[in-house]
Amino acid sequence: MDRVLNMIIRRVINRLTRMGVDKGVDVMAARRRSDPNADPRVTQQQNKETSQRARQAMKMMRRFGKF
């Protein structure tokens, strides 16, 4: 019974984390696109950093999400 509960809780946490990270990345990208004077190279670098942070957050949540 405990295994089943832990598995369900882990899946829910992973899904919510994925959704939250994805939404955060979308918000950041939309905010950057709205600036018409933004240098494309700077925007590209910022997008790369944001995606790296999102990947790192997902790894951390997967590590700590396991019971």
PDB file of N, CA and C in Angstrom:
ATOM      1  N   MET A   1       0.827  -1.197   0.000  1.00  0.00           N
ATOM      2  CA  MET A   1       0.000   0.000   0.000  1.00  0.00           C
ATOM      3  C   MET A   1       0.872   1.263   0.000  1.00  0.00           C
ATOM      4  N   ASP A   2       1.927   1.252   0.816  1.00  0.00           N
ATOM      5  CA  ASP A   2       2.820   2.413   0.869  1.00  0.00           C
ATOM      6  C   ASP A   2       3.501   2.650  -0.475  1.00  0.00           C
ATOM      7  N   ARG A   3       3.887   1.571  -1.119  1.00  0.00           N
ATOM      8  CA  ARG A   3       4.542   1.718  -2.427  1.00  0.00           C
ATOM      9  C   ARG A   3       3.619   2.391  -3.434  1.00  0.00           C
ATOM     10  N   VAL A   4       2.371   1.983  -3.434  1.00  0.00           N
ATOM     11  CA  VAL A   4       1.406   2.555  -4.375  1.00  0.00           C
ATOM     12  C   VAL A   4       1.207   4.037  -4.082  1.00  0.00           C
ATOM     13  N   LEU A   5       1.040   4.382  -2.823  1.00  0.00           N
ATOM     14  CA  LEU A   5       0.859   5.789  -2.453  1.00  0.00           C
ATOM     15  C   LEU A   5       2.087   6.620  -2.824  1.00  0.00           C
ATOM     16  N   ASN A   6       3.264   6.111  -2.517  1.00  0.00           N
ATOM     17  CA  ASN A   6       4.489   6.839  -2.862  1.00  0.00           C
ATOM     18  C   ASN A   6       4.625   7.028  -4.366  1.00  0.00           C
ATOM     19  N   MET A   7       4.264   5.999  -5.126  1.00  0.00           N
ATOM     20  CA  MET A   7       4.344   6.101  -6.578  1.00  0.00           C
ATOM     21  C   MET A   7       3.385   7.178  -7.096  1.00  0.00           C
ATOM     22  N   ILE A   8       2.171   7.191  -6.581  1.00  0.00           N
ATOM     23  CA  ILE A   8       1.180   8.185  -7.007  1.00  0.00           C
ATOM     24  C   ILE A   8       1.629   9.585  -6.622  1.00  0.00           C
ATOM     25  N   ILE A   9       2.093   9.751  -5.404  1.00  0.00           N
ATOM     26  CA  ILE A   9       2.549  11.069  -4.938  1.00  0.00           C
ATOM     27  C   ILE A   9       3.724  11.542  -5.787  1.00  0.00           C
ATOM     28  N   ARG A  10       4.653  10.658  -6.075  1.00  0.00           N
ATOM     29  CA  ARG A  10       5.817  11.013  -6.886  1.00  0.00           C
ATOM     30  C   ARG A  10       5.397  11.475  -8.279  1.00  0.00           C
ATOM     31  N   ARG A  11       4.463  10.758  -8.884  1.00  0.00           N
ATOM     32  CA  ARG A  11       3.994  11.136 -10.225  1.00  0.00           C
ATOM     33  C   ARG A  11       3.302  12.492 -10.217  1.00  0.00           C
ATOM     34  N   VAL A  12       2.478  12.722  -9.202  1.00  0.00           N
ATOM     35  CA  VAL A  12       1.773  14.010  -9.110  1.00  0.00           C
ATOM     36  C   VAL A  12       2.772  15.146  -8.941  1.00  0.00           C
ATOM     37  N   ILE A  13       3.743  14.968  -8.068  1.00  0.00           N
ATOM     38  CA  ILE A  13       4.751  16.016  -7.842  1.00  0.00           C
ATOM     39  C   ILE A  13       5.535  16.275  -9.128  1.00  0.00           C
ATOM     40  N   ASN A  14       5.933  15.220  -9.826  1.00  0.00           N
ATOM     41  CA  ASN A  14       6.682  15.390 -11.075  1.00  0.00           C
ATOM     42  C   ASN A  14       5.862  16.127 -12.119  1.00  0.00           C
ATOM     43  N   ARG A  15       4.590  15.778 -12.239  1.00  0.00           N
ATOM     44  CA  ARG A  15       3.732  16.457 -13.221  1.00  0.00           C
ATOM     45  C   ARG A  15       3.562  17.922 -12.888  1.00  0.00           C
ATOM     46  N   LEU A  16       3.273  18.212 -11.623  1.00  0.00           N
ATOM     47  CA  LEU A  16       3.084  19.605 -11.222  1.00  0.00           C
ATOM     48  C   LEU A  16       4.363  20.403 -11.418  1.00  0.00           C
ATOM     49  N   THR A  17       5.479  19.795 -11.109  1.00  0.00           N
ATOM     50  CA  THR A  17       6.762  20.480 -11.287  1.00  0.00           C
ATOM     51  C   THR A  17       7.006  20.774 -12.755  1.00  0.00           C
ATOM     52  N   ARG A  18       6.764  19.783 -13.597  1.00  0.00           N
ATOM     53  CA  ARG A  18       6.949  19.979 -15.034  1.00  0.00           C
ATOM     54  C   ARG A  18       6.061  21.102 -15.550  1.00  0.00           C
ATOM     55  N   MET A  19       4.806  21.104 -15.120  1.00  0.00           N
ATOM     56  CA  MET A  19       3.875  22.146 -15.562  1.00  0.00           C
ATOM     57  C   MET A  19       4.345  23.514 -15.092  1.00  0.00           C
ATOM     58  N   GLY A  20       4.777  23.601 -13.851  1.00  0.00           N
ATOM     59  CA  GLY A  20       5.229  24.877 -13.306  1.00  0.00           C
ATOM     60  C   GLY A  20       6.465  25.396 -14.005  1.00  0.00           C
ATOM     61  N   VAL A  21       7.413  24.526 -14.254  1.00  0.00           N
ATOM     62  CA  VAL A  21       8.637  24.939 -14.937  1.00  0.00           C
ATOM     63  C   VAL A  21       8.316  25.367 -16.360  1.00  0.00           C
ATOM     64  N   ASP A  22       7.478  24.597 -17.045  1.00  0.00           N
ATOM     65  CA  ASP A  22       7.114  24.956 -18.418  1.00  0.00           C
ATOM     66  C   ASP A  22       6.436  26.314 -18.474  1.00  0.00           C
ATOM     67  N   LYS A  23       5.514  26.564 -17.545  1.00  0.00           N
ATOM     68  CA  LYS A  23       4.818  27.851 -17.538  1.00  0.00           C
ATOM     69  C   LYS A  23       5.788  28.983 -17.242  1.00  0.00           C
ATOM     70  N   GLY A  24       6.712  28.754 -16.333  1.00  0.00           N
ATOM     71  CA  GLY A  24       7.699  29.777 -16.014  1.00  0.00           C
ATOM     72  C   GLY A  24       8.567  30.113 -17.211  1.00  0.00           C
ATOM     73  N   VAL A  25       8.965  29.104 -17.955  1.00  0.00           N
ATOM     74  CA  VAL A  25       9.777  29.324 -19.154  1.00  0.00           C
ATOM     75  C   VAL A  25       8.962  30.083 -20.188  1.00  0.00           C
ATOM     76  N   ASP A  26       7.687  29.718 -20.364  1.00  0.00           N
ATOM     77  CA  ASP A  26       6.833  30.407 -21.334  1.00  0.00           C
ATOM     78  C   ASP A  26       6.662  31.871 -20.976  1.00  0.00           C
ATOM     79  N   VAL A  27       6.471  32.157 -19.690  1.00  0.00           N
ATOM     80  CA  VAL A  27       6.293  33.544 -19.250  1.00  0.00           C
ATOM     81  C   VAL A  27       7.555  34.346 -19.517  1.00  0.00           C
ATOM     82  N   MET A  28       8.712  33.781 -19.202  1.00  0.00           N
ATOM     83  CA  MET A  28       9.973  34.486 -19.425  1.00  0.00           C
ATOM     84  C   MET A  28      10.188  34.735 -20.918  1.00  0.00           C
ATOM     85  N   ALA A  29       9.905  33.757 -21.739  1.00  0.00           N
ATOM     86  CA  ALA A  29      10.103  33.909 -23.182  1.00  0.00           C
ATOM     87  C   ALA A  29       9.158  34.962 -23.745  1.00  0.00           C
ATOM     88  N   ALA A  30       7.921  34.969 -23.303  1.00  0.00           N
ATOM     89  CA  ALA A  30       6.951  35.952 -23.789  1.00  0.00           C
ATOM     90  C   ALA A  30       7.372  37.355 -23.378  1.00  0.00           C
ATOM     91  N   ARG A  31       7.888  37.481 -22.186  1.00  0.00           N
ATOM     92  CA  ARG A  31       8.321  38.793 -21.703  1.00  0.00           C
ATOM     93  C   ARG A  31       9.467  39.323 -22.567  1.00  0.00           C
ATOM     94  N   ARG A  32      10.379  38.447 -22.947  1.00  0.00           N
ATOM     95  CA  ARG A  32      11.520  38.875 -23.766  1.00  0.00           C
ATOM     96  C   ARG A  32      11.095  39.204 -25.195  1.00  0.00           C
ATOM     97  N   ARG A  33      10.155  38.451 -25.734  1.00  0.00           N
ATOM     98  CA  ARG A  33       9.711  38.698 -27.106  1.00  0.00           C
ATOM     99  C   ARG A  33       9.004  40.034 -27.238  1.00  0.00           C
ATOM    100  N   SER A  34       8.423  40.534 -26.158  1.00  0.00           N
ATOM    101  CA  SER A  34       7.649  41.764 -26.237  1.00  0.00           C
ATOM    102  C   SER A  34       8.535  43.003 -26.382  1.00  0.00           C
ATOM    103  N   ASP A  35       9.830  42.881 -26.147  1.00  0.00           N
ATOM    104  CA  ASP A  35      10.740  44.018 -26.260  1.00  0.00           C
ATOM    105  C   ASP A  35      11.221  44.144 -27.711  1.00  0.00           C
ATOM    106  N   PRO A  36      10.745  45.159 -28.447  1.00  0.00           N
ATOM    107  CA  PRO A  36      11.115  45.273 -29.863  1.00  0.00           C
ATOM    108  C   PRO A  36      12.577  45.674 -30.076  1.00  0.00           C
ATOM    109  N   ASN A  37      13.206  46.283 -29.079  1.00  0.00           N
ATOM    110  CA  ASN A  37      14.586  46.746 -29.218  1.00  0.00           C
ATOM    111  C   ASN A  37      15.611  45.733 -28.725  1.00  0.00           C
ATOM    112  N   ALA A  38      15.161  44.549 -28.362  1.00  0.00           N
ATOM    113  CA  ALA A  38      16.076  43.542 -27.809  1.00  0.00           C
ATOM    114  C   ALA A  38      17.024  43.030 -28.891  1.00  0.00           C
ATOM    115  N   ASP A  39      18.280  42.903 -28.520  1.00  0.00           N
ATOM    116  CA  ASP A  39      19.288  42.357 -29.426  1.00  0.00           C
ATOM    117  C   ASP A  39      19.058  40.843 -29.543  1.00  0.00           C
ATOM    118  N   PRO A  40      18.965  40.305 -30.741  1.00  0.00           N
ATOM    119  CA  PRO A  40      18.686  38.865 -30.895  1.00  0.00           C
ATOM    120  C   PRO A  40      19.708  37.967 -30.203  1.00  0.00           C
ATOM    121  N   ARG A  41      20.979  38.392 -30.189  1.00  0.00           N
ATOM    122  CA  ARG A  41      22.002  37.562 -29.531  1.00  0.00           C
ATOM    123  C   ARG A  41      21.778  37.512 -28.029  1.00  0.00           C
ATOM    124  N   VAL A  42      21.393  38.655 -27.450  1.00  0.00           N
ATOM    125  CA  VAL A  42      21.131  38.693 -26.007  1.00  0.00           C
ATOM    126  C   VAL A  42      19.916  37.836 -25.686  1.00  0.00           C
ATOM    127  N   THR A  43      18.875  37.967 -26.495  1.00  0.00           N
ATOM    128  CA  THR A  43      17.660  37.184 -26.282  1.00  0.00           C
ATOM    129  C   THR A  43      17.957  35.695 -26.386  1.00  0.00           C
ATOM    130  N   GLN A  44      18.759  35.315 -27.358  1.00  0.00           N
ATOM    131  CA  GLN A  44      19.112  33.906 -27.532  1.00  0.00           C
ATOM    132  C   GLN A  44      19.875  33.389 -26.314  1.00  0.00           C
ATOM    133  N   GLN A  45      20.802  34.174 -25.798  1.00  0.00           N
ATOM    134  CA  GLN A  45      21.569  33.777 -24.620  1.00  0.00           C
ATOM    135  C   GLN A  45      20.657  33.653 -23.403  1.00  0.00           C
ATOM    136  N   GLN A  46      19.728  34.597 -23.248  1.00  0.00           N
ATOM    137  CA  GLN A  46      18.805  34.553 -22.115  1.00  0.00           C
ATOM    138  C   GLN A  46      17.904  33.326 -22.205  1.00  0.00           C
ATOM    139  N   ASN A  47      17.439  33.001 -23.402  1.00  0.00           N
ATOM    140  CA  ASN A  47      16.609  31.812 -23.574  1.00  0.00           C
ATOM    141  C   ASN A  47      17.390  30.551 -23.227  1.00  0.00           C
ATOM    142  N   LYS A  48      18.648  30.508 -23.610  1.00  0.00           N
ATOM    143  CA  LYS A  48      19.496  29.357 -23.302  1.00  0.00           C
ATOM    144  C   LYS A  48      19.665  29.214 -21.788  1.00  0.00           C
ATOM    145  N   GLU A  49      19.927  30.332 -21.109  1.00  0.00           N
ATOM    146  CA  GLU A  49      20.093  30.298 -19.653  1.00  0.00           C
ATOM    147  C   GLU A  49      18.803  29.872 -18.965  1.00  0.00           C
ATOM    148  N   THR A  50      17.673  30.359 -19.455  1.00  0.00           N
ATOM    149  CA  THR A  50      16.390  30.004 -18.862  1.00  0.00           C
ATOM    150  C   THR A  50      16.124  28.514 -19.013  1.00  0.00           C
ATOM    151  N   SER A  51      16.392  27.961 -20.186  1.00  0.00           N
ATOM    152  CA  SER A  51      16.154  26.536 -20.386  1.00  0.00           C
ATOM    153  C   SER A  51      17.112  25.698 -19.544  1.00  0.00           C
ATOM    154  N   GLN A  52      18.347  26.171 -19.364  1.00  0.00           N
ATOM    155  CA  GLN A  52      19.287  25.451 -18.503  1.00  0.00           C
ATOM    156  C   GLN A  52      18.795  25.450 -17.061  1.00  0.00           C
ATOM    157  N   ARG A  53      18.288  26.603 -16.602  1.00  0.00           N
ATOM    158  CA  ARG A  53      17.750  26.676 -15.242  1.00  0.00           C
ATOM    159  C   ARG A  53      16.546  25.759 -15.086  1.00  0.00           C
ATOM    160  N   ALA A  54      15.706  25.701 -16.103  1.00  0.00           N
ATOM    161  CA  ALA A  54      14.525  24.836 -16.044  1.00  0.00           C
ATOM    162  C   ALA A  54      14.938  23.370 -15.963  1.00  0.00           C
ATOM    163  N   ARG A  55      15.927  22.981 -16.771  1.00  0.00           N
ATOM    164  CA  ARG A  55      16.411  21.599 -16.726  1.00  0.00           C
ATOM    165  C   ARG A  55      17.004  21.267 -15.364  1.00  0.00           C
ATOM    166  N   GLN A  56      17.758  22.210 -14.814  1.00  0.00           N
ATOM    167  CA  GLN A  56      18.374  21.984 -13.508  1.00  0.00           C
ATOM    168  C   GLN A  56      17.299  21.851 -12.426  1.00  0.00           C
ATOM    169  N   ALA A  57      16.267  22.677 -12.504  1.00  0.00           N
ATOM    170  CA  ALA A  57      15.178  22.601 -11.528  1.00  0.00           C
ATOM    171  C   ALA A  57      14.467  21.257 -11.625  1.00  0.00           C
ATOM    172  N   MET A  58      14.266  20.775 -12.847  1.00  0.00           N
ATOM    173  CA  MET A  58      13.620  19.476 -13.017  1.00  0.00           C
ATOM    174  C   MET A  58      14.465  18.359 -12.404  1.00  0.00           C
ATOM    175  N   LYS A  59      15.773  18.407 -12.605  1.00  0.00           N
ATOM    176  CA  LYS A  59      16.651  17.386 -12.029  1.00  0.00           C
ATOM    177  C   LYS A  59      16.574  17.405 -10.509  1.00  0.00           C
ATOM    178  N   MET A  60      16.594  18.610  -9.945  1.00  0.00           N
ATOM    179  CA  MET A  60      16.542  18.735  -8.487  1.00  0.00           C
ATOM    180  C   MET A  60      15.218  18.200  -7.948  1.00  0.00           C
ATOM    181  N   MET A  61      14.125  18.535  -8.616  1.00  0.00           N
ATOM    182  CA  MET A  61      12.822  18.076  -8.143  1.00  0.00           C
ATOM    183  C   MET A  61      12.698  16.564  -8.268  1.00  0.00           C
ATOM    184  N   ARG A  62      13.278  15.996  -9.306  1.00  0.00           N
ATOM    185  CA  ARG A  62      13.236  14.538  -9.441  1.00  0.00           C
ATOM    186  C   ARG A  62      14.013  13.875  -8.318  1.00  0.00           C
ATOM    187  N   ARG A  63      15.158  14.462  -7.972  1.00  0.00           N
ATOM    188  CA  ARG A  63      15.968  13.896  -6.884  1.00  0.00           C
ATOM    189  C   ARG A  63      15.237  13.966  -5.555  1.00  0.00           C
ATOM    190  N   PHE A  64      14.683  15.134  -5.252  1.00  0.00           N
ATOM    191  CA  PHE A  64      14.056  15.327  -3.948  1.00  0.00           C
ATOM    192  C   PHE A  64      12.623  14.831  -3.920  1.00  0.00           C
ATOM    193  N   GLY A  65      12.037  14.567  -5.077  1.00  0.00           N
ATOM    194  CA  GLY A  65      10.658  14.102  -5.132  1.00  0.00           C
ATOM    195  C   GLY A  65      10.512  12.634  -4.793  1.00  0.00           C
ATOM    196  N   LYS A  66      11.619  11.901  -4.803  1.00  0.00           N
ATOM    197  CA  LYS A  66      11.550  10.468  -4.506  1.00  0.00           C
ATOM    198  C   LYS A  66      11.528  10.260  -3.000  1.00  0.00           C
ATOM    199  N   PHE A  67      10.648   9.385  -2.594  1.00  0.00           N
ATOM    200  CA  PHE A  67      10.495   9.146  -1.148  1.00  0.00           C
ATOM    201  C   PHE A  67      11.213   7.898  -0.726  1.00  0.00           C
TER     202      PHE A  67
END
